């Protein structure tokens, strides 16, 4: 039997980040440095370095004498991140009218190819995190066509909190189908040059907190900060 690979602090940080985002560690759950040290086969110092980075990313809270806890989902912060993301995408959408007909046709073609991938992924039972990669590629298509494809990366670091909320909100194939239908509405609006409709579809698609927040915060208030 080969020797077990010793993970670095960076690798542990990435693994813990993914588990927190995917709700394998639920908001408010206590995580133990000793347990993690044993789990990963590393010293507490290595684990502590990873936890420090998680704290900087607001994914955990560290309380002296009490321990480390997965941070609750701060709905106001998540709303703010989505507000910035929506503003960026609305601005991109507002520039699409400048495209020549051939450019617009090519854009819609690529968006429809992405929609096919989305539908296939849903039917194949793809993991939510992998669906989000296709989702992000869909949004990047029209932002790139507007000349600012990299703008979506400006909120990437903060968007991890939105992903955690969406993983809480979206736990079924039907919810993923709802996302697909919202994407389809955006693509249809662009094809028809219905720019008002595109903006309304984008708002409906990104404004999930306002639409669904109380459904979950009322049922499971222990997981959220609501201000």
C-alpha atoms as a PDB file:
ATOM      1  CA  UNK A   1       0.000   0.000   0.000  1.00  0.00           C
ATOM      2  CA  UNK A   2       1.389   3.404  -0.962  1.00  0.00           C
ATOM      3  CA  UNK A   3       1.942   6.178   1.507  1.00  0.00           C
ATOM      4  CA  UNK A   4      -0.969   8.530   2.096  1.00  0.00           C
ATOM      5  CA  UNK A   5      -0.463  11.927   0.461  1.00  0.00           C
ATOM      6  CA  UNK A   6       0.037  14.707   3.003  1.00  0.00           C
ATOM      7  CA  UNK A   7      -2.288  17.581   2.168  1.00  0.00           C
ATOM      8  CA  UNK A   8      -1.091  21.155   2.263  1.00  0.00           C
ATOM      9  CA  UNK A   9      -2.886  23.927   4.112  1.00  0.00           C
ATOM     10  CA  UNK A  10      -4.093  25.267   0.733  1.00  0.00           C
ATOM     11  CA  UNK A  11      -5.605  21.902  -0.190  1.00  0.00           C
ATOM     12  CA  UNK A  12      -7.336  21.601   3.180  1.00  0.00           C
ATOM     13  CA  UNK A  13      -8.657  25.138   2.827  1.00  0.00           C
ATOM     14  CA  UNK A  14     -10.101  24.358  -0.606  1.00  0.00           C
ATOM     15  CA  UNK A  15     -11.622  21.108   0.616  1.00  0.00           C
ATOM     16  CA  UNK A  16     -13.243  22.742   3.630  1.00  0.00           C
ATOM     17  CA  UNK A  17     -14.494  25.654   1.523  1.00  0.00           C
ATOM     18  CA  UNK A  18     -16.170  23.243  -0.858  1.00  0.00           C
ATOM     19  CA  UNK A  19     -17.753  21.265   1.978  1.00  0.00           C
ATOM     20  CA  UNK A  20     -19.101  24.434   3.595  1.00  0.00           C
ATOM     21  CA  UNK A  21     -20.507  25.727   0.306  1.00  0.00           C
ATOM     22  CA  UNK A  22     -22.079  22.348  -0.452  1.00  0.00           C
ATOM     23  CA  UNK A  23     -23.598  22.244   3.055  1.00  0.00           C
ATOM     24  CA  UNK A  24     -21.711  19.160   4.136  1.00  0.00           C
ATOM     25  CA  UNK A  25     -20.975  21.408   7.104  1.00  0.00           C
ATOM     26  CA  UNK A  26     -24.173  23.242   7.949  1.00  0.00           C
ATOM     27  CA  UNK A  27     -24.319  26.887   9.114  1.00  0.00           C
ATOM     28  CA  UNK A  28     -23.693  27.099  12.839  1.00  0.00           C
ATOM     29  CA  UNK A  29     -22.030  23.689  13.000  1.00  0.00           C
ATOM     30  CA  UNK A  30     -18.949  23.448  15.215  1.00  0.00           C
ATOM     31  CA  UNK A  31     -15.790  22.137  13.604  1.00  0.00           C
ATOM     32  CA  UNK A  32     -12.912  20.847  15.682  1.00  0.00           C
ATOM     33  CA  UNK A  33      -9.263  21.451  14.903  1.00  0.00           C
ATOM     34  CA  UNK A  34      -8.413  18.143  16.583  1.00  0.00           C
ATOM     35  CA  UNK A  35     -10.933  16.232  14.504  1.00  0.00           C
ATOM     36  CA  UNK A  36      -9.765  17.899  11.292  1.00  0.00           C
ATOM     37  CA  UNK A  37      -6.121  17.184  12.161  1.00  0.00           C
ATOM     38  CA  UNK A  38      -6.958  13.508  12.563  1.00  0.00           C
ATOM     39  CA  UNK A  39      -9.132  13.457   9.448  1.00  0.00           C
ATOM     40  CA  UNK A  40      -6.486  15.010   7.207  1.00  0.00           C
ATOM     41  CA  UNK A  41      -3.493  13.482   8.973  1.00  0.00           C
ATOM     42  CA  UNK A  42      -1.772  16.815   9.551  1.00  0.00           C
ATOM     43  CA  UNK A  43      -0.783  18.981  12.492  1.00  0.00           C
ATOM     44  CA  UNK A  44      -3.186  21.428  14.132  1.00  0.00           C
ATOM     45  CA  UNK A  45      -0.940  24.236  12.882  1.00  0.00           C
ATOM     46  CA  UNK A  46      -1.696  23.264   9.262  1.00  0.00           C
ATOM     47  CA  UNK A  47      -5.425  23.073   9.998  1.00  0.00           C
ATOM     48  CA  UNK A  48      -5.328  26.392  11.848  1.00  0.00           C
ATOM     49  CA  UNK A  49      -3.803  28.101   8.804  1.00  0.00           C
ATOM     50  CA  UNK A  50      -6.679  26.835   6.663  1.00  0.00           C
ATOM     51  CA  UNK A  51      -9.234  27.972   9.242  1.00  0.00           C
ATOM     52  CA  UNK A  52      -7.681  31.444   9.313  1.00  0.00           C
ATOM     53  CA  UNK A  53      -8.287  31.752   5.581  1.00  0.00           C
ATOM     54  CA  UNK A  54     -11.853  30.489   5.976  1.00  0.00           C
ATOM     55  CA  UNK A  55     -12.400  33.171   8.617  1.00  0.00           C
ATOM     56  CA  UNK A  56     -11.065  35.859   6.260  1.00  0.00           C
ATOM     57  CA  UNK A  57     -13.545  34.624   3.658  1.00  0.00           C
ATOM     58  CA  UNK A  58     -16.361  34.821   6.250  1.00  0.00           C
ATOM     59  CA  UNK A  59     -17.071  31.123   5.989  1.00  0.00           C
ATOM     60  CA  UNK A  60     -16.319  30.421   9.654  1.00  0.00           C
ATOM     61  CA  UNK A  61     -16.432  32.345  12.920  1.00  0.00           C
ATOM     62  CA  UNK A  62     -13.808  31.724  15.588  1.00  0.00           C
ATOM     63  CA  UNK A  63     -14.729  32.415  19.214  1.00  0.00           C
ATOM     64  CA  UNK A  64     -12.042  32.287  21.925  1.00  0.00           C
ATOM     65  CA  UNK A  65     -12.720  29.549  24.490  1.00  0.00           C
ATOM     66  CA  UNK A  66     -15.708  28.319  22.442  1.00  0.00           C
ATOM     67  CA  UNK A  67     -14.256  27.104  19.182  1.00  0.00           C
ATOM     68  CA  UNK A  68     -14.784  27.419  15.435  1.00  0.00           C
ATOM     69  CA  UNK A  69     -18.241  27.440  13.893  1.00  0.00           C
ATOM     70  CA  UNK A  70     -19.427  27.516  10.294  1.00  0.00           C
ATOM     71  CA  UNK A  71     -20.779  31.022   9.764  1.00  0.00           C
ATOM     72  CA  UNK A  72     -24.499  31.573   9.524  1.00  0.00           C
ATOM     73  CA  UNK A  73     -25.797  32.780   6.168  1.00  0.00           C
ATOM     74  CA  UNK A  74     -26.017  36.566   6.331  1.00  0.00           C
ATOM     75  CA  UNK A  75     -28.945  37.307   4.068  1.00  0.00           C
ATOM     76  CA  UNK A  76     -28.272  41.046   3.873  1.00  0.00           C
ATOM     77  CA  UNK A  77     -24.702  40.407   2.712  1.00  0.00           C
ATOM     78  CA  UNK A  78     -25.924  37.862   0.158  1.00  0.00           C
ATOM     79  CA  UNK A  79     -28.510  40.348  -1.115  1.00  0.00           C
ATOM     80  CA  UNK A  80     -25.742  42.944  -1.520  1.00  0.00           C
ATOM     81  CA  UNK A  81     -23.552  40.550  -3.522  1.00  0.00           C
ATOM     82  CA  UNK A  82     -26.494  39.734  -5.780  1.00  0.00           C
ATOM     83  CA  UNK A  83     -27.286  43.442  -6.133  1.00  0.00           C
ATOM     84  CA  UNK A  84     -23.776  44.086  -7.451  1.00  0.00           C
ATOM     85  CA  UNK A  85     -23.918  41.043  -9.741  1.00  0.00           C
ATOM     86  CA  UNK A  86     -27.294  42.137 -11.102  1.00  0.00           C
ATOM     87  CA  UNK A  87     -26.075  45.692 -11.724  1.00  0.00           C
ATOM     88  CA  UNK A  88     -23.096  44.357 -13.679  1.00  0.00           C
ATOM     89  CA  UNK A  89     -25.270  42.060 -15.789  1.00  0.00           C
ATOM     90  CA  UNK A  90     -27.905  44.722 -16.461  1.00  0.00           C
ATOM     91  CA  UNK A  91     -25.153  47.018 -17.712  1.00  0.00           C
ATOM     92  CA  UNK A  92     -23.840  44.280 -19.998  1.00  0.00           C
ATOM     93  CA  UNK A  93     -27.338  43.529 -21.310  1.00  0.00           C
ATOM     94  CA  UNK A  94     -27.900  47.224 -22.020  1.00  0.00           C
ATOM     95  CA  UNK A  95     -24.982  47.155 -24.477  1.00  0.00           C
ATOM     96  CA  UNK A  96     -26.157  44.198 -26.541  1.00  0.00           C
ATOM     97  CA  UNK A  97     -28.290  46.381 -28.789  1.00  0.00           C
ATOM     98  CA  UNK A  98     -25.046  47.603 -30.374  1.00  0.00           C
ATOM     99  CA  UNK A  99     -24.292  44.160 -31.801  1.00  0.00           C
ATOM    100  CA  UNK A 100     -24.669  43.569 -35.513  1.00  0.00           C
ATOM    101  CA  UNK A 101     -27.358  41.050 -36.454  1.00  0.00           C
ATOM    102  CA  UNK A 102     -24.755  38.370 -37.237  1.00  0.00           C
ATOM    103  CA  UNK A 103     -23.020  38.914 -33.883  1.00  0.00           C
ATOM    104  CA  UNK A 104     -26.330  38.699 -32.072  1.00  0.00           C
ATOM    105  CA  UNK A 105     -27.221  35.526 -33.951  1.00  0.00           C
ATOM    106  CA  UNK A 106     -23.891  33.943 -32.982  1.00  0.00           C
ATOM    107  CA  UNK A 107     -24.404  34.917 -29.349  1.00  0.00           C
ATOM    108  CA  UNK A 108     -27.882  33.393 -29.234  1.00  0.00           C
ATOM    109  CA  UNK A 109     -26.535  30.258 -30.921  1.00  0.00           C
ATOM    110  CA  UNK A 110     -23.890  29.830 -28.211  1.00  0.00           C
ATOM    111  CA  UNK A 111     -26.472  30.482 -25.499  1.00  0.00           C
ATOM    112  CA  UNK A 112     -28.755  27.809 -26.916  1.00  0.00           C
ATOM    113  CA  UNK A 113     -25.860  25.339 -27.042  1.00  0.00           C
ATOM    114  CA  UNK A 114     -25.272  26.106 -23.353  1.00  0.00           C
ATOM    115  CA  UNK A 115     -28.994  25.584 -22.642  1.00  0.00           C
ATOM    116  CA  UNK A 116     -28.771  22.123 -24.214  1.00  0.00           C
ATOM    117  CA  UNK A 117     -25.861  21.344 -21.866  1.00  0.00           C
ATOM    118  CA  UNK A 118     -27.914  22.570 -18.920  1.00  0.00           C
ATOM    119  CA  UNK A 119     -30.829  20.327 -19.805  1.00  0.00           C
ATOM    120  CA  UNK A 120     -28.587  17.313 -20.356  1.00  0.00           C
ATOM    121  CA  UNK A 121     -26.854  17.942 -17.033  1.00  0.00           C
ATOM    122  CA  UNK A 122     -30.177  18.082 -15.175  1.00  0.00           C
ATOM    123  CA  UNK A 123     -31.431  14.860 -16.755  1.00  0.00           C
ATOM    124  CA  UNK A 124     -28.120  13.137 -15.954  1.00  0.00           C
ATOM    125  CA  UNK A 125     -28.346  14.181 -12.301  1.00  0.00           C
ATOM    126  CA  UNK A 126     -25.211  16.312 -12.381  1.00  0.00           C
ATOM    127  CA  UNK A 127     -23.863  17.672  -9.077  1.00  0.00           C
ATOM    128  CA  UNK A 128     -25.097  21.176  -8.279  1.00  0.00           C
ATOM    129  CA  UNK A 129     -21.564  22.598  -8.255  1.00  0.00           C
ATOM    130  CA  UNK A 130     -21.006  21.302 -11.798  1.00  0.00           C
ATOM    131  CA  UNK A 131     -24.312  22.784 -12.941  1.00  0.00           C
ATOM    132  CA  UNK A 132     -23.134  26.151 -11.630  1.00  0.00           C
ATOM    133  CA  UNK A 133     -20.106  25.951 -13.923  1.00  0.00           C
ATOM    134  CA  UNK A 134     -22.439  25.691 -16.917  1.00  0.00           C
ATOM    135  CA  UNK A 135     -24.619  28.431 -15.386  1.00  0.00           C
ATOM    136  CA  UNK A 136     -21.638  30.782 -15.061  1.00  0.00           C
ATOM    137  CA  UNK A 137     -20.588  30.044 -18.640  1.00  0.00           C
ATOM    138  CA  UNK A 138     -24.091  31.022 -19.797  1.00  0.00           C
ATOM    139  CA  UNK A 139     -23.885  34.427 -18.120  1.00  0.00           C
ATOM    140  CA  UNK A 140     -20.328  34.972 -19.324  1.00  0.00           C
ATOM    141  CA  UNK A 141     -21.464  34.543 -22.937  1.00  0.00           C
ATOM    142  CA  UNK A 142     -23.560  37.691 -23.134  1.00  0.00           C
ATOM    143  CA  UNK A 143     -21.214  39.641 -20.879  1.00  0.00           C
ATOM    144  CA  UNK A 144     -18.342  38.792 -23.211  1.00  0.00           C
ATOM    145  CA  UNK A 145     -20.456  39.829 -26.193  1.00  0.00           C
ATOM    146  CA  UNK A 146     -20.990  43.168 -24.439  1.00  0.00           C
ATOM    147  CA  UNK A 147     -17.210  43.531 -24.071  1.00  0.00           C
ATOM    148  CA  UNK A 148     -16.851  42.782 -20.349  1.00  0.00           C
ATOM    149  CA  UNK A 149     -16.717  39.022 -19.862  1.00  0.00           C
ATOM    150  CA  UNK A 150     -14.222  39.307 -17.013  1.00  0.00           C
ATOM    151  CA  UNK A 151     -16.544  41.537 -14.988  1.00  0.00           C
ATOM    152  CA  UNK A 152     -18.273  38.455 -13.613  1.00  0.00           C
ATOM    153  CA  UNK A 153     -15.024  37.571 -11.845  1.00  0.00           C
ATOM    154  CA  UNK A 154     -15.111  40.763  -9.780  1.00  0.00           C
ATOM    155  CA  UNK A 155     -17.642  39.213  -7.393  1.00  0.00           C
ATOM    156  CA  UNK A 156     -16.330  35.639  -7.610  1.00  0.00           C
ATOM    157  CA  UNK A 157     -14.791  35.682  -4.125  1.00  0.00           C
ATOM    158  CA  UNK A 158     -17.953  37.005  -2.500  1.00  0.00           C
ATOM    159  CA  UNK A 159     -20.240  34.894  -4.666  1.00  0.00           C
ATOM    160  CA  UNK A 160     -19.270  31.816  -2.657  1.00  0.00           C
ATOM    161  CA  UNK A 161     -21.852  32.951  -0.095  1.00  0.00           C
ATOM    162  CA  UNK A 162     -24.512  33.154  -2.786  1.00  0.00           C
ATOM    163  CA  UNK A 163     -23.648  29.614  -3.872  1.00  0.00           C
ATOM    164  CA  UNK A 164     -24.110  28.421  -0.301  1.00  0.00           C
ATOM    165  CA  UNK A 165     -27.533  30.070  -0.170  1.00  0.00           C
ATOM    166  CA  UNK A 166     -28.471  28.563  -3.523  1.00  0.00           C
ATOM    167  CA  UNK A 167     -27.388  25.112  -2.386  1.00  0.00           C
ATOM    168  CA  UNK A 168     -29.753  25.553   0.545  1.00  0.00           C
ATOM    169  CA  UNK A 169     -32.502  26.858  -1.711  1.00  0.00           C
ATOM    170  CA  UNK A 170     -32.043  24.502  -4.664  1.00  0.00           C
ATOM    171  CA  UNK A 171     -32.170  20.886  -3.599  1.00  0.00           C
ATOM    172  CA  UNK A 172     -34.206  19.264  -6.332  1.00  0.00           C
ATOM    173  CA  UNK A 173     -34.305  18.661 -10.061  1.00  0.00           C
ATOM    174  CA  UNK A 174     -37.374  20.892 -10.275  1.00  0.00           C
ATOM    175  CA  UNK A 175     -35.434  23.852  -8.888  1.00  0.00           C
ATOM    176  CA  UNK A 176     -32.680  23.297 -11.437  1.00  0.00           C
ATOM    177  CA  UNK A 177     -35.346  23.183 -14.133  1.00  0.00           C
ATOM    178  CA  UNK A 178     -36.577  26.559 -12.879  1.00  0.00           C
ATOM    179  CA  UNK A 179     -33.081  27.957 -13.429  1.00  0.00           C
ATOM    180  CA  UNK A 180     -33.032  26.459 -16.909  1.00  0.00           C
ATOM    181  CA  UNK A 181     -36.371  28.083 -17.763  1.00  0.00           C
ATOM    182  CA  UNK A 182     -35.144  31.450 -16.454  1.00  0.00           C
ATOM    183  CA  UNK A 183     -32.021  31.163 -18.618  1.00  0.00           C
ATOM    184  CA  UNK A 184     -34.226  30.255 -21.590  1.00  0.00           C
ATOM    185  CA  UNK A 185     -36.300  33.391 -21.020  1.00  0.00           C
ATOM    186  CA  UNK A 186     -33.135  35.520 -21.041  1.00  0.00           C
ATOM    187  CA  UNK A 187     -31.923  33.921 -24.278  1.00  0.00           C
ATOM    188  CA  UNK A 188     -35.325  34.350 -25.930  1.00  0.00           C
ATOM    189  CA  UNK A 189     -35.418  38.023 -24.937  1.00  0.00           C
ATOM    190  CA  UNK A 190     -31.993  38.633 -26.452  1.00  0.00           C
ATOM    191  CA  UNK A 191     -32.945  36.845 -29.669  1.00  0.00           C
ATOM    192  CA  UNK A 192     -36.103  38.965 -29.945  1.00  0.00           C
ATOM    193  CA  UNK A 193     -34.211  42.152 -29.021  1.00  0.00           C
ATOM    194  CA  UNK A 194     -36.697  42.641 -26.199  1.00  0.00           C
ATOM    195  CA  UNK A 195     -34.265  44.527 -23.977  1.00  0.00           C
ATOM    196  CA  UNK A 196     -36.872  45.434 -21.374  1.00  0.00           C
ATOM    197  CA  UNK A 197     -37.867  41.776 -21.186  1.00  0.00           C
ATOM    198  CA  UNK A 198     -34.214  40.751 -20.847  1.00  0.00           C
ATOM    199  CA  UNK A 199     -33.724  43.065 -17.874  1.00  0.00           C
ATOM    200  CA  UNK A 200     -36.910  41.809 -16.227  1.00  0.00           C
ATOM    201  CA  UNK A 201     -35.828  38.199 -16.781  1.00  0.00           C
ATOM    202  CA  UNK A 202     -32.366  38.912 -15.328  1.00  0.00           C
ATOM    203  CA  UNK A 203     -33.894  40.551 -12.261  1.00  0.00           C
ATOM    204  CA  UNK A 204     -36.245  37.629 -11.705  1.00  0.00           C
ATOM    205  CA  UNK A 205     -33.380  35.173 -12.165  1.00  0.00           C
ATOM    206  CA  UNK A 206     -30.905  36.840  -9.812  1.00  0.00           C
ATOM    207  CA  UNK A 207     -33.306  38.153  -7.185  1.00  0.00           C
ATOM    208  CA  UNK A 208     -33.749  34.796  -5.454  1.00  0.00           C
ATOM    209  CA  UNK A 209     -33.210  36.131  -1.939  1.00  0.00           C
ATOM    210  CA  UNK A 210     -36.122  38.533  -2.035  1.00  0.00           C
ATOM    211  CA  UNK A 211     -38.399  35.909  -3.572  1.00  0.00           C
ATOM    212  CA  UNK A 212     -37.517  32.926  -1.391  1.00  0.00           C
ATOM    213  CA  UNK A 213     -35.773  34.204   1.738  1.00  0.00           C
ATOM    214  CA  UNK A 214     -38.648  34.002   4.186  1.00  0.00           C
ATOM    215  CA  UNK A 215     -39.669  30.549   2.989  1.00  0.00           C
ATOM    216  CA  UNK A 216     -36.416  29.216   4.444  1.00  0.00           C
ATOM    217  CA  UNK A 217     -35.570  31.673   7.221  1.00  0.00           C
ATOM    218  CA  UNK A 218     -38.973  31.121   8.821  1.00  0.00           C
ATOM    219  CA  UNK A 219     -38.622  27.343   8.714  1.00  0.00           C
ATOM    220  CA  UNK A 220     -34.919  27.095   9.666  1.00  0.00           C
ATOM    221  CA  UNK A 221     -33.983  30.378  11.394  1.00  0.00           C
ATOM    222  CA  UNK A 222     -30.995  28.726  13.104  1.00  0.00           C
ATOM    223  CA  UNK A 223     -29.065  28.812   9.821  1.00  0.00           C
ATOM    224  CA  UNK A 224     -29.466  32.504   9.009  1.00  0.00           C
ATOM    225  CA  UNK A 225     -28.734  36.068  10.042  1.00  0.00           C
ATOM    226  CA  UNK A 226     -31.666  38.241   8.990  1.00  0.00           C
ATOM    227  CA  UNK A 227     -31.344  42.005   9.390  1.00  0.00           C
END
